[in-house]
């Protein structure tokens, strides 16, 4: 899993400002002890981050929201986490991706829709009655075209997802 950390700075007067890096999830007591402000206050801001879901974060994002997004991200399957940057454009954010990803079908090591058709031919029970000779003469291109017409697919670095 990618590193998940944020640099948080207090918004007190210039001479009293303190900043610290925190790994997610952030412990509220540790946060208070290190920065001298409560996690539920508005006395801090995020000034830097190392997060795969950085697009969901603004300077004023609360620690509570950071932790919620972190847990939503860690609840994603490994395949979806690996393809997060490609898949997020199909969703509104990490929470929306989590909700939608439960319906995604993942086709590992498929780099185009013909690969998906081949994968389905080899692995789906609907084709188990076909003999090896029947599979040899199966029209993959026509099947791939049908799959593409009936579904929405995303090509990612680790395979393809049917969305």
C-alpha atoms as a PDB file:
ATOM      1  CA  UNK A   1       0.000   0.000   0.000  1.00  0.00           C
ATOM      2  CA  UNK A   2       1.149   3.503  -0.780  1.00  0.00           C
ATOM      3  CA  UNK A   3       2.350   5.827   1.941  1.00  0.00           C
ATOM      4  CA  UNK A   4      -0.461   7.768   3.585  1.00  0.00           C
ATOM      5  CA  UNK A   5       0.783  10.770   5.526  1.00  0.00           C
ATOM      6  CA  UNK A   6      -0.003  14.461   5.884  1.00  0.00           C
ATOM      7  CA  UNK A   7       1.882  17.509   7.085  1.00  0.00           C
ATOM      8  CA  UNK A   8      -0.358  19.511   9.367  1.00  0.00           C
ATOM      9  CA  UNK A   9       0.391  22.985  10.673  1.00  0.00           C
ATOM     10  CA  UNK A  10      -1.349  24.939  13.409  1.00  0.00           C
ATOM     11  CA  UNK A  11      -2.932  28.233  12.388  1.00  0.00           C
ATOM     12  CA  UNK A  12      -1.926  30.078  15.540  1.00  0.00           C
ATOM     13  CA  UNK A  13       0.171  33.239  15.404  1.00  0.00           C
ATOM     14  CA  UNK A  14       3.382  33.033  13.366  1.00  0.00           C
ATOM     15  CA  UNK A  15       5.683  32.541  16.373  1.00  0.00           C
ATOM     16  CA  UNK A  16       3.458  29.769  17.817  1.00  0.00           C
ATOM     17  CA  UNK A  17       3.037  27.765  14.594  1.00  0.00           C
ATOM     18  CA  UNK A  18       3.898  24.102  14.826  1.00  0.00           C
ATOM     19  CA  UNK A  19       3.840  21.504  12.079  1.00  0.00           C
ATOM     20  CA  UNK A  20       4.224  17.724  12.103  1.00  0.00           C
ATOM     21  CA  UNK A  21       3.935  14.803   9.700  1.00  0.00           C
ATOM     22  CA  UNK A  22       1.290  12.261  10.672  1.00  0.00           C
ATOM     23  CA  UNK A  23       0.759   8.782   9.275  1.00  0.00           C
ATOM     24  CA  UNK A  24      -2.865   7.868   8.723  1.00  0.00           C
ATOM     25  CA  UNK A  25      -4.972   7.009  10.565  1.00  0.00           C
ATOM     26  CA  UNK A  26      -4.251   9.859  12.946  1.00  0.00           C
ATOM     27  CA  UNK A  27      -4.639   9.225  16.662  1.00  0.00           C
ATOM     28  CA  UNK A  28      -6.538  12.187  18.196  1.00  0.00           C
ATOM     29  CA  UNK A  29      -4.591  12.168  21.458  1.00  0.00           C
ATOM     30  CA  UNK A  30      -1.220  12.051  19.708  1.00  0.00           C
ATOM     31  CA  UNK A  31      -2.396  14.860  17.427  1.00  0.00           C
ATOM     32  CA  UNK A  32      -3.328  17.029  20.430  1.00  0.00           C
ATOM     33  CA  UNK A  33      -0.080  16.200  22.238  1.00  0.00           C
ATOM     34  CA  UNK A  34       2.158  17.026  19.262  1.00  0.00           C
ATOM     35  CA  UNK A  35       0.368  20.102  17.908  1.00  0.00           C
ATOM     36  CA  UNK A  36      -1.362  21.473  20.994  1.00  0.00           C
ATOM     37  CA  UNK A  37      -4.748  21.741  19.260  1.00  0.00           C
ATOM     38  CA  UNK A  38      -7.778  19.493  19.209  1.00  0.00           C
ATOM     39  CA  UNK A  39      -8.514  17.417  16.116  1.00  0.00           C
ATOM     40  CA  UNK A  40     -12.102  18.743  16.092  1.00  0.00           C
ATOM     41  CA  UNK A  41     -10.976  22.389  16.072  1.00  0.00           C
ATOM     42  CA  UNK A  42     -10.351  24.675  13.113  1.00  0.00           C
ATOM     43  CA  UNK A  43      -6.886  25.597  14.421  1.00  0.00           C
ATOM     44  CA  UNK A  44      -4.866  23.662  11.834  1.00  0.00           C
ATOM     45  CA  UNK A  45      -4.452  23.145   8.109  1.00  0.00           C
ATOM     46  CA  UNK A  46      -2.943  20.553   5.812  1.00  0.00           C
ATOM     47  CA  UNK A  47       0.110  21.977   4.076  1.00  0.00           C
ATOM     48  CA  UNK A  48       1.505  18.866   2.359  1.00  0.00           C
ATOM     49  CA  UNK A  49       0.473  15.265   1.820  1.00  0.00           C
ATOM     50  CA  UNK A  50       1.550  11.907   0.474  1.00  0.00           C
ATOM     51  CA  UNK A  51      -1.778  10.265  -0.280  1.00  0.00           C
ATOM     52  CA  UNK A  52      -3.126   8.257  -3.197  1.00  0.00           C
ATOM     53  CA  UNK A  53      -6.453  10.032  -2.646  1.00  0.00           C
ATOM     54  CA  UNK A  54      -4.977  13.557  -2.449  1.00  0.00           C
ATOM     55  CA  UNK A  55      -7.614  14.826  -4.874  1.00  0.00           C
ATOM     56  CA  UNK A  56     -10.204  14.426  -2.124  1.00  0.00           C
ATOM     57  CA  UNK A  57      -8.261  16.628   0.321  1.00  0.00           C
ATOM     58  CA  UNK A  58      -8.155  20.418   0.749  1.00  0.00           C
ATOM     59  CA  UNK A  59      -6.191  22.507   3.259  1.00  0.00           C
ATOM     60  CA  UNK A  60      -9.129  22.647   5.655  1.00  0.00           C
ATOM     61  CA  UNK A  61      -9.982  18.926   5.612  1.00  0.00           C
ATOM     62  CA  UNK A  62     -10.488  17.740   9.191  1.00  0.00           C
ATOM     63  CA  UNK A  63      -8.566  14.922  10.836  1.00  0.00           C
ATOM     64  CA  UNK A  64     -11.853  13.067  11.227  1.00  0.00           C
ATOM     65  CA  UNK A  65     -12.472  13.297   7.455  1.00  0.00           C
ATOM     66  CA  UNK A  66      -8.862  12.285   6.706  1.00  0.00           C
ATOM     67  CA  UNK A  67      -9.294   9.147   8.793  1.00  0.00           C
ATOM     68  CA  UNK A  68     -12.658   8.397   7.172  1.00  0.00           C
ATOM     69  CA  UNK A  69     -11.149   8.682   3.677  1.00  0.00           C
ATOM     70  CA  UNK A  70      -8.168   6.582   4.719  1.00  0.00           C
ATOM     71  CA  UNK A  71     -10.403   3.768   5.976  1.00  0.00           C
ATOM     72  CA  UNK A  72     -12.517   3.990   2.812  1.00  0.00           C
ATOM     73  CA  UNK A  73      -9.339   3.666   0.754  1.00  0.00           C
ATOM     74  CA  UNK A  74      -8.023   0.704   2.757  1.00  0.00           C
ATOM     75  CA  UNK A  75     -11.390  -1.024   2.310  1.00  0.00           C
ATOM     76  CA  UNK A  76     -10.867  -1.048  -1.466  1.00  0.00           C
ATOM     77  CA  UNK A  77      -9.642  -4.307  -2.960  1.00  0.00           C
ATOM     78  CA  UNK A  78      -5.928  -4.525  -3.728  1.00  0.00           C
ATOM     79  CA  UNK A  79      -6.666  -4.424  -7.466  1.00  0.00           C
ATOM     80  CA  UNK A  80      -8.711  -1.235  -7.124  1.00  0.00           C
ATOM     81  CA  UNK A  81      -6.061   0.384  -4.887  1.00  0.00           C
ATOM     82  CA  UNK A  82      -3.403  -0.379  -7.506  1.00  0.00           C
ATOM     83  CA  UNK A  83      -5.565   1.196 -10.224  1.00  0.00           C
ATOM     84  CA  UNK A  84      -6.906   4.023  -8.043  1.00  0.00           C
ATOM     85  CA  UNK A  85      -5.517   6.884 -10.122  1.00  0.00           C
ATOM     86  CA  UNK A  86      -7.057   5.487 -13.316  1.00  0.00           C
ATOM     87  CA  UNK A  87     -10.413   4.554 -11.763  1.00  0.00           C
ATOM     88  CA  UNK A  88     -11.045   7.705  -9.751  1.00  0.00           C
ATOM     89  CA  UNK A  89     -11.931   9.635 -12.910  1.00  0.00           C
ATOM     90  CA  UNK A  90     -15.010   7.398 -13.225  1.00  0.00           C
ATOM     91  CA  UNK A  91     -16.156   8.244  -9.685  1.00  0.00           C
ATOM     92  CA  UNK A  92     -16.637  11.316  -7.518  1.00  0.00           C
ATOM     93  CA  UNK A  93     -14.028  10.415  -4.898  1.00  0.00           C
ATOM     94  CA  UNK A  94     -12.682   7.608  -2.752  1.00  0.00           C
ATOM     95  CA  UNK A  95     -16.008   6.999  -0.974  1.00  0.00           C
ATOM     96  CA  UNK A  96     -17.908   6.855  -4.265  1.00  0.00           C
ATOM     97  CA  UNK A  97     -15.236   4.546  -5.685  1.00  0.00           C
ATOM     98  CA  UNK A  98     -15.613   2.265  -2.678  1.00  0.00           C
ATOM     99  CA  UNK A  99     -19.350   2.050  -3.216  1.00  0.00           C
ATOM    100  CA  UNK A 100     -19.091   1.443  -6.969  1.00  0.00           C
ATOM    101  CA  UNK A 101     -16.070  -0.880  -6.831  1.00  0.00           C
ATOM    102  CA  UNK A 102     -18.143  -3.635  -5.251  1.00  0.00           C
ATOM    103  CA  UNK A 103     -19.789  -4.037  -8.660  1.00  0.00           C
ATOM    104  CA  UNK A 104     -16.596  -3.886 -10.744  1.00  0.00           C
ATOM    105  CA  UNK A 105     -15.375  -7.005 -12.499  1.00  0.00           C
ATOM    106  CA  UNK A 106     -11.592  -7.237 -12.706  1.00  0.00           C
ATOM    107  CA  UNK A 107      -9.789  -8.893 -15.591  1.00  0.00           C
ATOM    108  CA  UNK A 108      -6.124  -9.267 -14.593  1.00  0.00           C
ATOM    109  CA  UNK A 109      -3.428  -8.828 -17.217  1.00  0.00           C
ATOM    110  CA  UNK A 110      -5.960  -7.863 -19.885  1.00  0.00           C
ATOM    111  CA  UNK A 111      -4.799  -4.924 -21.995  1.00  0.00           C
ATOM    112  CA  UNK A 112      -7.695  -4.613 -24.418  1.00  0.00           C
ATOM    113  CA  UNK A 113     -11.252  -5.820 -24.901  1.00  0.00           C
ATOM    114  CA  UNK A 114     -10.125  -8.874 -26.944  1.00  0.00           C
ATOM    115  CA  UNK A 115      -8.040  -9.968 -23.945  1.00  0.00           C
ATOM    116  CA  UNK A 116     -11.183  -9.636 -21.811  1.00  0.00           C
ATOM    117  CA  UNK A 117     -13.128 -11.772 -24.287  1.00  0.00           C
ATOM    118  CA  UNK A 118     -10.362 -14.408 -24.196  1.00  0.00           C
ATOM    119  CA  UNK A 119     -10.264 -14.310 -20.385  1.00  0.00           C
ATOM    120  CA  UNK A 120     -14.031 -14.809 -20.196  1.00  0.00           C
ATOM    121  CA  UNK A 121     -13.875 -17.652 -22.721  1.00  0.00           C
ATOM    122  CA  UNK A 122     -11.264 -19.417 -20.606  1.00  0.00           C
ATOM    123  CA  UNK A 123     -12.637 -18.705 -17.113  1.00  0.00           C
ATOM    124  CA  UNK A 124     -16.427 -18.235 -17.200  1.00  0.00           C
ATOM    125  CA  UNK A 125     -18.742 -21.132 -16.557  1.00  0.00           C
ATOM    126  CA  UNK A 126     -21.016 -20.022 -19.399  1.00  0.00           C
ATOM    127  CA  UNK A 127     -18.377 -21.330 -21.839  1.00  0.00           C
ATOM    128  CA  UNK A 128     -17.496 -24.528 -19.985  1.00  0.00           C
ATOM    129  CA  UNK A 129     -19.636 -26.641 -22.309  1.00  0.00           C
ATOM    130  CA  UNK A 130     -17.542 -25.615 -25.318  1.00  0.00           C
ATOM    131  CA  UNK A 131     -15.007 -28.179 -26.406  1.00  0.00           C
ATOM    132  CA  UNK A 132     -11.394 -27.156 -26.963  1.00  0.00           C
ATOM    133  CA  UNK A 133     -12.076 -27.313 -30.710  1.00  0.00           C
ATOM    134  CA  UNK A 134     -15.120 -25.058 -30.257  1.00  0.00           C
ATOM    135  CA  UNK A 135     -13.035 -22.585 -28.256  1.00  0.00           C
ATOM    136  CA  UNK A 136     -10.389 -22.632 -31.000  1.00  0.00           C
ATOM    137  CA  UNK A 137     -12.925 -21.451 -33.593  1.00  0.00           C
ATOM    138  CA  UNK A 138     -14.772 -19.063 -31.291  1.00  0.00           C
ATOM    139  CA  UNK A 139     -15.015 -15.563 -32.784  1.00  0.00           C
ATOM    140  CA  UNK A 140     -13.238 -13.531 -30.101  1.00  0.00           C
ATOM    141  CA  UNK A 141     -13.382 -10.263 -32.056  1.00  0.00           C
ATOM    142  CA  UNK A 142     -17.172 -10.421 -32.435  1.00  0.00           C
ATOM    143  CA  UNK A 143     -17.589 -11.342 -28.770  1.00  0.00           C
ATOM    144  CA  UNK A 144     -15.234  -8.517 -27.757  1.00  0.00           C
ATOM    145  CA  UNK A 145     -17.271  -6.080 -29.845  1.00  0.00           C
ATOM    146  CA  UNK A 146     -20.455  -7.234 -28.091  1.00  0.00           C
ATOM    147  CA  UNK A 147     -18.828  -6.854 -24.657  1.00  0.00           C
ATOM    148  CA  UNK A 148     -17.699  -3.344 -25.521  1.00  0.00           C
ATOM    149  CA  UNK A 149     -21.143  -2.347 -26.759  1.00  0.00           C
ATOM    150  CA  UNK A 150     -22.916  -3.654 -23.663  1.00  0.00           C
ATOM    151  CA  UNK A 151     -20.459  -2.522 -20.983  1.00  0.00           C
ATOM    152  CA  UNK A 152     -18.114   0.192 -19.865  1.00  0.00           C
ATOM    153  CA  UNK A 153     -14.480  -0.798 -19.365  1.00  0.00           C
ATOM    154  CA  UNK A 154     -11.461   0.962 -17.929  1.00  0.00           C
ATOM    155  CA  UNK A 155      -7.934   0.025 -18.949  1.00  0.00           C
ATOM    156  CA  UNK A 156      -5.577   0.243 -15.972  1.00  0.00           C
ATOM    157  CA  UNK A 157      -1.955  -0.632 -15.345  1.00  0.00           C
ATOM    158  CA  UNK A 158      -2.869  -3.968 -13.721  1.00  0.00           C
ATOM    159  CA  UNK A 159      -5.648  -5.078 -16.092  1.00  0.00           C
ATOM    160  CA  UNK A 160      -9.138  -4.027 -17.146  1.00  0.00           C
ATOM    161  CA  UNK A 161     -12.206  -3.340 -15.078  1.00  0.00           C
ATOM    162  CA  UNK A 162     -15.785  -3.637 -16.194  1.00  0.00           C
ATOM    163  CA  UNK A 163     -17.445  -0.690 -14.495  1.00  0.00           C
END
